[in-house]
């Protein structure tokens, strides 16, 4: 993956990441997942972004150069992975919501549960990270020149297969059309409107 492809606003990069592959190497083995669903978060201009109120110790990676991984804990339960995009110093990131396991399915199933069906192994951002083996130790990882977690371009996705819609489960700016996913793909997560959703202010 070339950094030039990531050095743009999140809403431009998010659809381009569909079909790309995240590869995570751990002592247990390697798992590779082709991305099928993403959500763009536009930093300080986006009420739903972790960076909306400015830089903190938690979200500092979002303000760094494109091509790094921003990992955070959701609701104290699940790790979620974001690919940092845009310009160094300006927060911008793409949440990886779902994917299709293309390597290391046995290991992914061991992490997720032996009875989990293949399409559900990496469906949803928390499941994606669990299947891949992403944890807090990967926060800030360089996806372009690192070795433990790598982002590869993968197979091109025809534009006709890319669907656009509102983001899932956020309470602010929920109706921004910043969610991108592959039409008809069984690994894509279901849309759910947050019960605390509030009208968006733009975008």
C-alpha atoms as a PDB file:
ATOM      1  CA  UNK A   1       0.000   0.000   0.000  1.00  0.00           C
ATOM      2  CA  UNK A   2       1.356   3.421  -0.987  1.00  0.00           C
ATOM      3  CA  UNK A   3       1.091   6.229   1.566  1.00  0.00           C
ATOM      4  CA  UNK A   4      -0.133   8.544  -1.204  1.00  0.00           C
ATOM      5  CA  UNK A   5      -3.353   6.497  -1.360  1.00  0.00           C
ATOM      6  CA  UNK A   6      -3.991   7.208   2.328  1.00  0.00           C
ATOM      7  CA  UNK A   7      -2.942  10.868   2.444  1.00  0.00           C
ATOM      8  CA  UNK A   8      -6.457  12.153   1.752  1.00  0.00           C
ATOM      9  CA  UNK A   9      -9.574  12.900   3.843  1.00  0.00           C
ATOM     10  CA  UNK A  10     -11.100   9.845   5.510  1.00  0.00           C
ATOM     11  CA  UNK A  11     -14.298   9.974   3.463  1.00  0.00           C
ATOM     12  CA  UNK A  12     -12.214   9.671   0.266  1.00  0.00           C
ATOM     13  CA  UNK A  13      -9.978   6.894   1.550  1.00  0.00           C
ATOM     14  CA  UNK A  14     -12.718   4.767   3.166  1.00  0.00           C
ATOM     15  CA  UNK A  15     -14.221   3.410  -0.091  1.00  0.00           C
ATOM     16  CA  UNK A  16     -10.731   2.868  -1.540  1.00  0.00           C
ATOM     17  CA  UNK A  17      -9.856   0.575   1.365  1.00  0.00           C
ATOM     18  CA  UNK A  18     -12.562  -1.918   0.410  1.00  0.00           C
ATOM     19  CA  UNK A  19     -10.830  -5.014  -0.917  1.00  0.00           C
ATOM     20  CA  UNK A  20      -7.561  -4.104   0.790  1.00  0.00           C
ATOM     21  CA  UNK A  21      -6.085  -6.676   3.156  1.00  0.00           C
ATOM     22  CA  UNK A  22      -4.941  -6.314   6.752  1.00  0.00           C
ATOM     23  CA  UNK A  23      -2.387  -8.919   7.766  1.00  0.00           C
ATOM     24  CA  UNK A  24      -1.487  -9.521  11.411  1.00  0.00           C
ATOM     25  CA  UNK A  25       1.403 -11.737  12.469  1.00  0.00           C
ATOM     26  CA  UNK A  26       1.482 -13.004  16.057  1.00  0.00           C
ATOM     27  CA  UNK A  27       3.277 -15.862  17.842  1.00  0.00           C
ATOM     28  CA  UNK A  28       0.077 -17.898  17.269  1.00  0.00           C
ATOM     29  CA  UNK A  29       0.267 -17.463  13.512  1.00  0.00           C
ATOM     30  CA  UNK A  30      -0.858 -15.154  10.716  1.00  0.00           C
ATOM     31  CA  UNK A  31      -4.383 -14.023   9.853  1.00  0.00           C
ATOM     32  CA  UNK A  32      -5.241 -11.972   6.765  1.00  0.00           C
ATOM     33  CA  UNK A  33      -8.609 -10.274   6.281  1.00  0.00           C
ATOM     34  CA  UNK A  34      -9.945  -8.544   3.170  1.00  0.00           C
ATOM     35  CA  UNK A  35     -11.843  -5.394   4.174  1.00  0.00           C
ATOM     36  CA  UNK A  36     -15.532  -5.323   3.200  1.00  0.00           C
ATOM     37  CA  UNK A  37     -16.916  -2.450   5.324  1.00  0.00           C
ATOM     38  CA  UNK A  38     -15.481   0.868   6.518  1.00  0.00           C
ATOM     39  CA  UNK A  39     -16.571   4.116   8.174  1.00  0.00           C
ATOM     40  CA  UNK A  40     -14.914   7.513   7.782  1.00  0.00           C
ATOM     41  CA  UNK A  41     -14.312   9.842  10.752  1.00  0.00           C
ATOM     42  CA  UNK A  42     -13.227  13.383   9.931  1.00  0.00           C
ATOM     43  CA  UNK A  43     -11.446  14.495  13.091  1.00  0.00           C
ATOM     44  CA  UNK A  44     -12.213  17.890  14.608  1.00  0.00           C
ATOM     45  CA  UNK A  45     -14.881  18.553  11.946  1.00  0.00           C
ATOM     46  CA  UNK A  46     -16.836  15.425  12.886  1.00  0.00           C
ATOM     47  CA  UNK A  47     -18.985  15.320  16.067  1.00  0.00           C
ATOM     48  CA  UNK A  48     -18.784  11.501  16.092  1.00  0.00           C
ATOM     49  CA  UNK A  49     -14.990  11.392  15.915  1.00  0.00           C
ATOM     50  CA  UNK A  50     -12.770  10.754  18.944  1.00  0.00           C
ATOM     51  CA  UNK A  51     -10.749  13.760  17.786  1.00  0.00           C
ATOM     52  CA  UNK A  52     -13.689  16.191  17.681  1.00  0.00           C
ATOM     53  CA  UNK A  53     -12.617  18.075  20.819  1.00  0.00           C
ATOM     54  CA  UNK A  54      -8.935  18.066  19.943  1.00  0.00           C
ATOM     55  CA  UNK A  55      -5.865  15.996  20.628  1.00  0.00           C
ATOM     56  CA  UNK A  56      -5.557  13.913  23.773  1.00  0.00           C
ATOM     57  CA  UNK A  57      -3.245  11.166  24.943  1.00  0.00           C
ATOM     58  CA  UNK A  58      -5.825   8.604  23.822  1.00  0.00           C
ATOM     59  CA  UNK A  59      -6.357   9.856  20.278  1.00  0.00           C
ATOM     60  CA  UNK A  60      -2.863  11.203  19.524  1.00  0.00           C
ATOM     61  CA  UNK A  61      -2.245   8.601  16.816  1.00  0.00           C
ATOM     62  CA  UNK A  62      -5.139  10.064  14.790  1.00  0.00           C
ATOM     63  CA  UNK A  63      -3.195  13.335  14.491  1.00  0.00           C
ATOM     64  CA  UNK A  64      -0.085  11.607  13.182  1.00  0.00           C
ATOM     65  CA  UNK A  65       0.933  10.619   9.654  1.00  0.00           C
ATOM     66  CA  UNK A  66      -1.238   8.478   7.430  1.00  0.00           C
ATOM     67  CA  UNK A  67      -0.714   4.745   7.405  1.00  0.00           C
ATOM     68  CA  UNK A  68      -0.663   4.081  11.130  1.00  0.00           C
ATOM     69  CA  UNK A  69      -3.150   2.063  13.180  1.00  0.00           C
ATOM     70  CA  UNK A  70      -5.317   3.755  15.819  1.00  0.00           C
ATOM     71  CA  UNK A  71      -6.663   1.154  18.238  1.00  0.00           C
ATOM     72  CA  UNK A  72      -9.167   1.887  21.001  1.00  0.00           C
ATOM     73  CA  UNK A  73     -11.371  -0.061  23.392  1.00  0.00           C
ATOM     74  CA  UNK A  74     -15.114   0.171  22.702  1.00  0.00           C
ATOM     75  CA  UNK A  75     -17.449   0.124  25.718  1.00  0.00           C
ATOM     76  CA  UNK A  76     -14.632  -1.420  27.738  1.00  0.00           C
ATOM     77  CA  UNK A  77     -15.096  -4.711  25.876  1.00  0.00           C
ATOM     78  CA  UNK A  78     -13.779  -4.813  22.317  1.00  0.00           C
ATOM     79  CA  UNK A  79     -10.764  -3.456  20.470  1.00  0.00           C
ATOM     80  CA  UNK A  80     -11.498  -1.460  17.327  1.00  0.00           C
ATOM     81  CA  UNK A  81      -8.990  -0.668  14.560  1.00  0.00           C
ATOM     82  CA  UNK A  82      -8.769   2.510  12.511  1.00  0.00           C
ATOM     83  CA  UNK A  83      -6.415   3.381   9.681  1.00  0.00           C
ATOM     84  CA  UNK A  84      -5.093   6.922  10.002  1.00  0.00           C
ATOM     85  CA  UNK A  85      -5.467   8.988   6.823  1.00  0.00           C
ATOM     86  CA  UNK A  86      -4.954  12.551   5.650  1.00  0.00           C
ATOM     87  CA  UNK A  87      -2.214  15.007   6.590  1.00  0.00           C
ATOM     88  CA  UNK A  88       0.150  14.824   9.548  1.00  0.00           C
ATOM     89  CA  UNK A  89      -1.214  17.075  12.303  1.00  0.00           C
ATOM     90  CA  UNK A  90      -4.843  16.915  11.151  1.00  0.00           C
ATOM     91  CA  UNK A  91      -6.925  14.087  12.653  1.00  0.00           C
ATOM     92  CA  UNK A  92      -8.585  11.742  10.178  1.00  0.00           C
ATOM     93  CA  UNK A  93      -9.193   8.000  10.327  1.00  0.00           C
ATOM     94  CA  UNK A  94     -11.172   5.114   8.837  1.00  0.00           C
ATOM     95  CA  UNK A  95     -12.772   2.544  11.132  1.00  0.00           C
ATOM     96  CA  UNK A  96     -12.600  -1.006   9.806  1.00  0.00           C
ATOM     97  CA  UNK A  97     -16.051  -2.465  10.435  1.00  0.00           C
ATOM     98  CA  UNK A  98     -15.914  -5.870   8.755  1.00  0.00           C
ATOM     99  CA  UNK A  99     -13.965  -8.198   6.524  1.00  0.00           C
ATOM    100  CA  UNK A 100     -13.564 -11.653   5.018  1.00  0.00           C
ATOM    101  CA  UNK A 101     -10.871 -13.961   6.388  1.00  0.00           C
ATOM    102  CA  UNK A 102      -8.667 -15.100   3.505  1.00  0.00           C
ATOM    103  CA  UNK A 103      -5.775 -16.601   5.473  1.00  0.00           C
ATOM    104  CA  UNK A 104      -5.576 -18.221   8.895  1.00  0.00           C
ATOM    105  CA  UNK A 105      -9.271 -19.078   9.252  1.00  0.00           C
ATOM    106  CA  UNK A 106      -8.572 -21.812  11.793  1.00  0.00           C
ATOM    107  CA  UNK A 107      -6.746 -19.344  14.032  1.00  0.00           C
ATOM    108  CA  UNK A 108      -9.453 -16.713  13.566  1.00  0.00           C
ATOM    109  CA  UNK A 109     -12.103 -19.264  14.553  1.00  0.00           C
ATOM    110  CA  UNK A 110     -10.072 -20.311  17.588  1.00  0.00           C
ATOM    111  CA  UNK A 111     -10.127 -16.687  18.731  1.00  0.00           C
ATOM    112  CA  UNK A 112     -13.782 -16.101  17.892  1.00  0.00           C
ATOM    113  CA  UNK A 113     -15.297 -19.479  18.762  1.00  0.00           C
ATOM    114  CA  UNK A 114     -15.413 -22.846  17.053  1.00  0.00           C
ATOM    115  CA  UNK A 115     -19.101 -22.550  16.161  1.00  0.00           C
ATOM    116  CA  UNK A 116     -18.853 -19.121  14.526  1.00  0.00           C
ATOM    117  CA  UNK A 117     -19.727 -19.301  10.835  1.00  0.00           C
ATOM    118  CA  UNK A 118     -17.140 -18.055   8.341  1.00  0.00           C
ATOM    119  CA  UNK A 119     -19.018 -14.864   7.286  1.00  0.00           C
ATOM    120  CA  UNK A 120     -19.331 -13.836  10.951  1.00  0.00           C
ATOM    121  CA  UNK A 121     -15.679 -14.293  11.934  1.00  0.00           C
ATOM    122  CA  UNK A 122     -14.791 -10.644  11.231  1.00  0.00           C
ATOM    123  CA  UNK A 123     -18.244  -9.057  11.010  1.00  0.00           C
ATOM    124  CA  UNK A 124     -18.308  -5.948  13.198  1.00  0.00           C
ATOM    125  CA  UNK A 125     -15.290  -3.887  14.331  1.00  0.00           C
ATOM    126  CA  UNK A 126     -14.755  -5.784  17.586  1.00  0.00           C
ATOM    127  CA  UNK A 127     -14.971  -9.173  15.898  1.00  0.00           C
ATOM    128  CA  UNK A 128     -12.640  -7.969  13.162  1.00  0.00           C
ATOM    129  CA  UNK A 129      -9.936  -7.140  15.695  1.00  0.00           C
ATOM    130  CA  UNK A 130     -10.479 -10.317  17.690  1.00  0.00           C
ATOM    131  CA  UNK A 131     -10.193 -12.509  14.597  1.00  0.00           C
ATOM    132  CA  UNK A 132      -7.115 -10.642  13.411  1.00  0.00           C
ATOM    133  CA  UNK A 133      -5.440 -10.591  16.816  1.00  0.00           C
ATOM    134  CA  UNK A 134      -5.367  -6.778  17.164  1.00  0.00           C
ATOM    135  CA  UNK A 135      -4.978  -5.421  20.717  1.00  0.00           C
ATOM    136  CA  UNK A 136      -3.753  -2.254  22.437  1.00  0.00           C
ATOM    137  CA  UNK A 137      -0.150  -3.213  21.702  1.00  0.00           C
ATOM    138  CA  UNK A 138      -0.803  -2.508  18.017  1.00  0.00           C
ATOM    139  CA  UNK A 139      -1.869   1.107  18.624  1.00  0.00           C
ATOM    140  CA  UNK A 140       0.371   3.323  16.512  1.00  0.00           C
ATOM    141  CA  UNK A 141       1.688   0.439  14.388  1.00  0.00           C
ATOM    142  CA  UNK A 142       3.062   1.477  11.002  1.00  0.00           C
ATOM    143  CA  UNK A 143       0.979  -0.421   8.443  1.00  0.00           C
ATOM    144  CA  UNK A 144       3.230   0.480   5.521  1.00  0.00           C
ATOM    145  CA  UNK A 145       6.721  -0.346   6.759  1.00  0.00           C
ATOM    146  CA  UNK A 146       6.045  -2.421   9.884  1.00  0.00           C
ATOM    147  CA  UNK A 147       6.133  -6.194  10.227  1.00  0.00           C
ATOM    148  CA  UNK A 148       3.500  -7.190  12.803  1.00  0.00           C
ATOM    149  CA  UNK A 149       0.517  -5.557  11.060  1.00  0.00           C
ATOM    150  CA  UNK A 150       0.612  -4.797   7.348  1.00  0.00           C
ATOM    151  CA  UNK A 151      -1.880  -3.189   4.954  1.00  0.00           C
ATOM    152  CA  UNK A 152      -1.879  -4.590   1.403  1.00  0.00           C
ATOM    153  CA  UNK A 153      -3.858  -3.253  -1.555  1.00  0.00           C
ATOM    154  CA  UNK A 154      -5.510  -6.598  -2.341  1.00  0.00           C
ATOM    155  CA  UNK A 155      -7.887  -7.105  -5.254  1.00  0.00           C
ATOM    156  CA  UNK A 156      -9.540  -4.040  -6.879  1.00  0.00           C
ATOM    157  CA  UNK A 157     -13.245  -3.641  -6.150  1.00  0.00           C
ATOM    158  CA  UNK A 158     -15.577  -2.501  -8.979  1.00  0.00           C
ATOM    159  CA  UNK A 159     -17.196   0.826  -8.144  1.00  0.00           C
ATOM    160  CA  UNK A 160     -20.610  -0.675  -8.884  1.00  0.00           C
ATOM    161  CA  UNK A 161     -20.269  -2.967  -5.852  1.00  0.00           C
ATOM    162  CA  UNK A 162     -19.625  -0.166  -3.374  1.00  0.00           C
ATOM    163  CA  UNK A 163     -22.637   0.967  -1.348  1.00  0.00           C
ATOM    164  CA  UNK A 164     -22.811   4.114   0.780  1.00  0.00           C
ATOM    165  CA  UNK A 165     -24.921   4.767   3.865  1.00  0.00           C
ATOM    166  CA  UNK A 166     -25.102   6.240   7.368  1.00  0.00           C
ATOM    167  CA  UNK A 167     -22.743   5.150  10.106  1.00  0.00           C
ATOM    168  CA  UNK A 168     -23.688   2.431  12.567  1.00  0.00           C
ATOM    169  CA  UNK A 169     -24.416   2.950  16.246  1.00  0.00           C
ATOM    170  CA  UNK A 170     -23.110   6.522  16.682  1.00  0.00           C
ATOM    171  CA  UNK A 171     -25.230   9.049  18.550  1.00  0.00           C
ATOM    172  CA  UNK A 172     -23.920  12.180  16.811  1.00  0.00           C
ATOM    173  CA  UNK A 173     -23.792  12.864  13.064  1.00  0.00           C
ATOM    174  CA  UNK A 174     -25.241   9.393  12.617  1.00  0.00           C
ATOM    175  CA  UNK A 175     -26.782  10.186   9.244  1.00  0.00           C
ATOM    176  CA  UNK A 176     -23.571  11.310   7.571  1.00  0.00           C
ATOM    177  CA  UNK A 177     -23.087   9.129   4.523  1.00  0.00           C
ATOM    178  CA  UNK A 178     -19.657   7.954   5.640  1.00  0.00           C
ATOM    179  CA  UNK A 179     -20.168   4.189   5.741  1.00  0.00           C
ATOM    180  CA  UNK A 180     -18.947   2.196   2.753  1.00  0.00           C
ATOM    181  CA  UNK A 181     -19.484  -1.503   2.144  1.00  0.00           C
ATOM    182  CA  UNK A 182     -19.635  -4.213  -0.512  1.00  0.00           C
ATOM    183  CA  UNK A 183     -23.157  -4.802  -1.781  1.00  0.00           C
ATOM    184  CA  UNK A 184     -24.555  -8.208  -0.906  1.00  0.00           C
ATOM    185  CA  UNK A 185     -21.429  -9.374   0.916  1.00  0.00           C
ATOM    186  CA  UNK A 186     -22.396 -11.696   3.818  1.00  0.00           C
ATOM    187  CA  UNK A 187     -19.554 -10.425   6.006  1.00  0.00           C
ATOM    188  CA  UNK A 188     -20.946  -6.870   6.170  1.00  0.00           C
ATOM    189  CA  UNK A 189     -22.516  -5.958   9.511  1.00  0.00           C
ATOM    190  CA  UNK A 190     -26.170  -5.027   9.889  1.00  0.00           C
ATOM    191  CA  UNK A 191     -27.145  -1.360  10.096  1.00  0.00           C
ATOM    192  CA  UNK A 192     -28.343  -0.232  13.520  1.00  0.00           C
ATOM    193  CA  UNK A 193     -29.423   3.255  14.483  1.00  0.00           C
ATOM    194  CA  UNK A 194     -28.276   4.281  17.950  1.00  0.00           C
ATOM    195  CA  UNK A 195     -31.191   4.952  20.334  1.00  0.00           C
ATOM    196  CA  UNK A 196     -29.285   8.091  21.338  1.00  0.00           C
ATOM    197  CA  UNK A 197     -28.863   9.311  17.750  1.00  0.00           C
ATOM    198  CA  UNK A 198     -29.002  13.042  17.172  1.00  0.00           C
ATOM    199  CA  UNK A 199     -29.408  14.920  13.863  1.00  0.00           C
ATOM    200  CA  UNK A 200     -26.202  15.683  11.970  1.00  0.00           C
ATOM    201  CA  UNK A 201     -24.933  19.212  11.395  1.00  0.00           C
ATOM    202  CA  UNK A 202     -23.625  18.710   7.883  1.00  0.00           C
ATOM    203  CA  UNK A 203     -21.595  16.471   5.516  1.00  0.00           C
END
